Amino acid sequence: MLNVLFAAFNGVQLAVLFGGYDAVLDKTGLSYSAYARQGFWQLLLATLLTLLVIVFALRWAPRDGAKDRTLVRAVLGSLCALTLVVVASAVRRMDMYVEAYGLTRLRISVVAVELWLGVIILLIMAAGVWGARWLPRAVAASAAAGVLAFGLLSPDAMIAERNVQRYEDTGKLDLDYARQLSADAVPALDKLPEPRRSCAIKPIAEDLGSERGPWYAMSLGESRARRIIEARPPSVDWGVCDEGRTGVSYR
């Protein structure tokens, strides 16, 4: 029954999802933000239902013969595969949201959680083939690896790169949000034209200050930011920055 429900849900979502923004508005009446949030909660519910069904099946499903075991694996495997489609739908919704309004820390975190849930479903599918003794350790390792990757990829640098590219394509940039980024964002923000470059980098430069800390307390991002700021210091005042605001917010 859950397989049939997920299949019907995915059929509707795929028909809407690949139709673009006009289809989203016409068929759901939702904005990008509401559509993306809805997809995240739907994914959490779908994952929870999948895990509950798997737990109950492992406890009570008949496994007396080879046919029973094959049937259980086929049904649960289909359920996991359909759940992966829900994961893809949720990630695509968030991608549409980012295309419309830009990238933020919260949106990166949401995508990371969605992808991690997809990894868990894949691990469960693998456990159905090779056994589940290693599954708890694999899930814990995937969470640790995700946290490590999240730090190494430098979210603020990714945000700045994506939003600078979006500015080059659309002319839209939320300076208020760009000012809140860390030193990791400076190399990407340095590509902006003046006065937006100086407006975005100036508060970061003020937070860094003029005094360098000891080498062991300085990150690679801070070192790069200082070199850029020393070579091309911000050259505008706050009045110019306030006048140059685009009024575009990351909704």
Protein backbone atom coordinates (compact mmCIF):
# COMPACT_ATOMS: atom_id res chain seq x y z
CA MET A 1 0.00 0.00 0.00
CA LEU A 2 2.83 2.38 0.83
CA ASN A 3 4.55 1.53 -2.47
CA VAL A 4 1.36 2.43 -4.35
CA LEU A 5 1.03 5.67 -2.36
CA PHE A 6 4.67 6.67 -3.02
CA ALA A 7 4.39 5.78 -6.70
CA ALA A 8 1.29 7.97 -7.11
CA PHE A 9 2.93 10.80 -5.17
CA ASN A 10 6.10 10.61 -7.25
CA GLY A 11 4.12 10.55 -10.49
CA VAL A 12 2.39 13.80 -9.55
CA GLN A 13 5.62 15.40 -8.33
CA LEU A 14 7.59 14.52 -11.44
CA ALA A 15 4.87 15.91 -13.69
CA VAL A 16 4.98 19.22 -11.80
CA LEU A 17 8.69 19.32 -11.04
CA PHE A 18 10.03 19.17 -14.57
CA GLY A 19 7.48 21.63 -15.86
CA GLY A 20 9.36 24.56 -14.35
CA TYR A 21 8.20 27.47 -12.23
CA ASP A 22 5.04 28.12 -14.24
CA ALA A 23 3.89 24.57 -13.55
CA VAL A 24 4.62 25.04 -9.84
CA LEU A 25 2.45 28.13 -9.72
CA ASP A 26 -0.32 26.71 -11.88
CA LYS A 27 -0.62 23.34 -10.21
CA THR A 28 0.21 24.13 -6.59
CA GLY A 29 -0.33 27.86 -6.13
CA LEU A 30 2.87 27.93 -4.04
CA SER A 31 5.97 30.11 -4.13
CA TYR A 32 9.45 28.64 -4.49
CA SER A 33 10.08 28.99 -0.75
CA ALA A 34 6.84 27.28 0.29
CA TYR A 35 7.36 24.57 -2.33
CA ALA A 36 10.89 23.84 -1.10
CA ARG A 37 9.85 23.73 2.57
CA GLN A 38 6.95 21.45 1.72
CA GLY A 39 9.34 19.11 -0.11
CA PHE A 40 11.65 18.92 2.92
CA TRP A 41 8.87 17.92 5.31
CA GLN A 42 7.47 15.46 2.79
CA LEU A 43 10.91 13.86 2.55
CA LEU A 44 11.17 13.54 6.33
CA LEU A 45 7.72 11.94 6.49
CA ALA A 46 8.49 9.57 3.60
CA THR A 47 11.78 8.52 5.20
CA LEU A 48 10.11 7.94 8.57
CA LEU A 49 7.36 5.84 7.00
CA THR A 50 9.94 3.83 5.04
CA LEU A 51 12.01 3.11 8.14
CA LEU A 52 8.92 2.11 10.14
CA VAL A 53 7.75 -0.27 7.43
CA ILE A 54 11.22 -1.83 7.17
CA VAL A 55 11.38 -2.34 10.95
CA PHE A 56 7.94 -3.97 11.03
CA ALA A 57 8.75 -6.10 7.98
CA LEU A 58 11.96 -7.38 9.52
CA ARG A 59 10.03 -8.29 12.64
CA TRP A 60 6.85 -9.83 11.22
CA ALA A 61 7.18 -10.46 7.48
CA PRO A 62 7.22 -14.19 6.55
CA ARG A 63 10.70 -15.50 5.71
CA ASP A 64 10.18 -19.26 5.87
CA GLY A 65 11.36 -19.93 2.33
CA ALA A 66 13.37 -18.44 -0.49
CA LYS A 67 10.24 -17.10 -2.18
CA ASP A 68 9.17 -15.26 0.96
CA ARG A 69 12.61 -13.69 1.39
CA THR A 70 12.71 -12.68 -2.28
CA LEU A 71 9.26 -11.12 -2.04
CA VAL A 72 10.14 -9.14 1.08
CA ARG A 73 13.37 -7.87 -0.48
CA ALA A 74 11.57 -6.90 -3.70
CA VAL A 75 8.80 -5.00 -1.89
CA LEU A 76 11.15 -3.22 0.51
CA GLY A 77 13.64 -2.52 -2.27
CA SER A 78 10.89 -0.92 -4.34
CA LEU A 79 9.88 1.18 -1.35
CA CYS A 80 13.45 2.40 -0.88
CA ALA A 81 13.78 3.19 -4.60
CA LEU A 82 10.57 5.23 -4.51
CA THR A 83 11.85 7.06 -1.43
CA LEU A 84 14.99 7.98 -3.37
CA VAL A 85 12.74 9.67 -5.94
CA VAL A 86 11.25 11.71 -3.08
CA VAL A 87 14.83 12.66 -2.10
CA ALA A 88 15.55 13.77 -5.67
CA SER A 89 12.33 15.77 -5.73
CA ALA A 90 13.18 17.55 -2.47
CA VAL A 91 16.70 18.39 -3.67
CA ARG A 92 15.36 19.69 -6.97
CA ARG A 93 12.83 21.88 -5.17
CA MET A 94 15.60 23.43 -3.10
CA ASP A 95 17.67 23.97 -6.26
CA MET A 96 14.76 25.86 -7.82
CA TYR A 97 14.50 27.93 -4.63
CA VAL A 98 18.21 28.77 -4.77
CA GLU A 99 17.97 29.72 -8.44
CA ALA A 100 15.18 32.17 -7.57
CA TYR A 101 16.55 33.77 -4.39
CA GLY A 102 20.19 32.79 -3.96
CA LEU A 103 22.12 30.49 -1.63
CA THR A 104 22.24 30.80 2.17
CA ARG A 105 23.67 28.79 5.04
CA LEU A 106 20.25 27.43 5.95
CA ARG A 107 19.62 26.25 2.39
CA ILE A 108 22.99 24.49 2.23
CA SER A 109 22.17 22.77 5.53
CA VAL A 110 18.77 21.64 4.26
CA VAL A 111 20.28 20.18 1.08
CA ALA A 112 22.95 18.42 3.15
CA VAL A 113 20.29 16.79 5.35
CA GLU A 114 18.28 15.75 2.29
CA LEU A 115 21.31 14.15 0.67
CA TRP A 116 22.23 12.41 3.92
CA LEU A 117 18.74 10.90 4.14
CA GLY A 118 19.28 9.63 0.60
CA VAL A 119 22.58 8.04 1.68
CA ILE A 120 20.79 6.29 4.56
CA ILE A 121 18.23 4.83 2.16
CA LEU A 122 21.05 3.58 -0.09
CA LEU A 123 22.78 1.99 2.90
CA ILE A 124 19.54 0.25 3.85
CA MET A 125 19.21 -1.09 0.31
CA ALA A 126 22.78 -2.37 0.48
CA ALA A 127 22.05 -3.98 3.85
CA GLY A 128 19.18 -5.86 2.26
CA VAL A 129 21.68 -7.52 -0.07
CA TRP A 130 24.78 -7.99 2.12
CA GLY A 131 23.33 -8.07 5.64
CA ALA A 132 22.70 -5.39 8.22
CA ARG A 133 25.34 -5.97 10.90
CA TRP A 134 27.48 -3.12 9.59
CA LEU A 135 24.53 -0.73 9.04
CA PRO A 136 24.57 1.22 12.36
CA ARG A 137 28.30 1.87 12.04
CA ALA A 138 27.89 2.91 8.40
CA VAL A 139 25.11 5.37 9.28
CA ALA A 140 27.24 6.89 12.05
CA ALA A 141 30.24 7.09 9.72
CA SER A 142 28.16 8.77 7.01
CA ALA A 143 27.02 11.42 9.50
CA ALA A 144 30.60 12.07 10.62
CA ALA A 145 31.82 12.21 7.02
CA GLY A 146 29.03 14.65 6.16
CA VAL A 147 29.97 16.99 9.01
CA LEU A 148 33.65 16.82 8.01
CA ALA A 149 32.86 17.49 4.34
CA PHE A 150 30.59 20.37 5.32
CA GLY A 151 33.49 22.05 7.10
CA LEU A 152 36.09 21.34 4.43
CA LEU A 153 33.90 22.64 1.60
CA SER A 154 33.61 26.05 3.31
CA PRO A 155 29.89 26.89 3.10
CA ASP A 156 30.44 30.67 3.05
CA ALA A 157 32.78 30.36 0.07
CA MET A 158 30.16 28.27 -1.76
CA ILE A 159 27.45 30.80 -0.92
CA ALA A 160 29.53 33.68 -2.22
CA GLU A 161 30.52 31.84 -5.42
CA ARG A 162 26.94 30.88 -6.22
CA ASN A 163 25.51 34.31 -5.47
CA VAL A 164 28.21 36.19 -7.38
CA GLN A 165 27.48 33.98 -10.37
CA ARG A 166 23.78 34.68 -9.90
CA TYR A 167 24.53 38.41 -9.82
CA GLU A 168 26.46 38.13 -13.09
CA ASP A 169 23.51 36.31 -14.66
CA THR A 170 20.59 38.32 -13.23
CA GLY A 171 22.00 41.50 -11.68
CA LYS A 172 20.45 40.52 -8.31
CA LEU A 173 22.47 40.47 -5.09
CA ASP A 174 21.49 40.73 -1.43
CA LEU A 175 24.26 42.93 -0.04
CA ASP A 176 22.87 42.71 3.50
CA TYR A 177 23.40 38.95 3.51
CA ALA A 178 26.77 39.15 1.75
CA ARG A 179 28.02 41.43 4.52
CA GLN A 180 27.29 38.72 7.09
CA LEU A 181 29.56 36.12 5.48
CA SER A 182 32.94 35.14 6.88
CA ALA A 183 36.42 35.70 5.50
CA ASP A 184 36.06 32.54 3.40
CA ALA A 185 33.70 34.48 1.09
CA VAL A 186 36.16 37.27 0.24
CA PRO A 187 37.81 35.62 -2.84
CA ALA A 188 34.41 35.27 -4.50
CA LEU A 189 33.10 38.68 -3.40
CA ASP A 190 36.30 40.22 -4.80
CA LYS A 191 34.92 39.45 -8.28
CA LEU A 192 32.01 41.87 -7.84
CA PRO A 193 32.17 45.25 -9.59
CA GLU A 194 32.55 48.39 -7.53
CA PRO A 195 30.94 49.71 -5.41
CA ARG A 196 29.24 46.39 -4.57
CA ARG A 197 32.61 44.72 -4.02
CA SER A 198 33.67 47.22 -1.39
CA CYS A 199 30.21 47.25 0.20
CA ALA A 200 30.28 43.48 0.61
CA ILE A 201 33.88 43.18 1.78
CA LYS A 202 34.10 46.22 4.10
CA PRO A 203 32.35 44.69 7.16
CA ILE A 204 34.39 41.50 6.76
CA ALA A 205 37.57 43.57 6.69
CA GLU A 206 36.47 45.43 9.83
CA ASP A 207 35.81 42.15 11.62
CA LEU A 208 39.27 40.86 10.71
CA GLY A 209 40.95 44.02 11.95
CA SER A 210 44.42 45.21 11.08
CA GLU A 211 46.39 43.03 13.48
CA ARG A 212 47.30 39.52 12.39
CA GLY A 213 47.09 36.74 14.90
CA PRO A 214 49.75 34.04 15.32
CA TRP A 215 50.14 31.68 12.37
CA TYR A 216 48.63 28.73 14.23
CA ALA A 217 45.43 30.70 14.93
CA MET A 218 44.85 31.83 11.34
CA SER A 219 42.77 29.82 8.91
CA LEU A 220 43.49 29.50 5.21
CA GLY A 221 40.35 31.50 4.43
CA GLU A 222 41.43 34.35 6.69
CA SER A 223 44.91 34.37 5.17
CA ARG A 224 43.49 34.63 1.64
CA ALA A 225 41.03 37.32 2.70
CA ARG A 226 43.76 39.44 4.28
CA ARG A 227 45.92 39.27 1.14
CA ILE A 228 43.02 40.42 -1.03
CA ILE A 229 41.97 43.19 1.35
CA GLU A 230 45.55 44.48 1.73
CA ALA A 231 46.01 44.50 -2.05
CA ARG A 232 42.64 46.20 -2.73
CA PRO A 233 41.16 47.77 0.41
CA PRO A 234 37.43 48.62 0.40
CA SER A 235 37.10 52.13 -1.01
CA VAL A 236 33.54 53.33 -0.29
CA ASP A 237 31.61 54.56 2.73
CA TRP A 238 28.37 53.20 4.12
CA GLY A 239 26.31 55.95 2.53
CA VAL A 240 27.22 54.75 -0.95
CA CYS A 241 26.48 51.17 0.08
CA ASP A 242 23.04 52.07 1.39
CA GLU A 243 22.23 53.90 -1.83
CA GLY A 244 23.39 50.95 -3.93
CA ARG A 245 21.25 48.34 -2.23
CA THR A 246 19.17 46.36 -4.68
CA GLY A 247 16.33 45.59 -2.30
CA VAL A 248 16.58 41.89 -3.15
CA SER A 249 16.27 39.69 -0.07
CA TYR A 250 16.94 35.99 0.33
CA ARG A 251 13.39 34.96 1.11
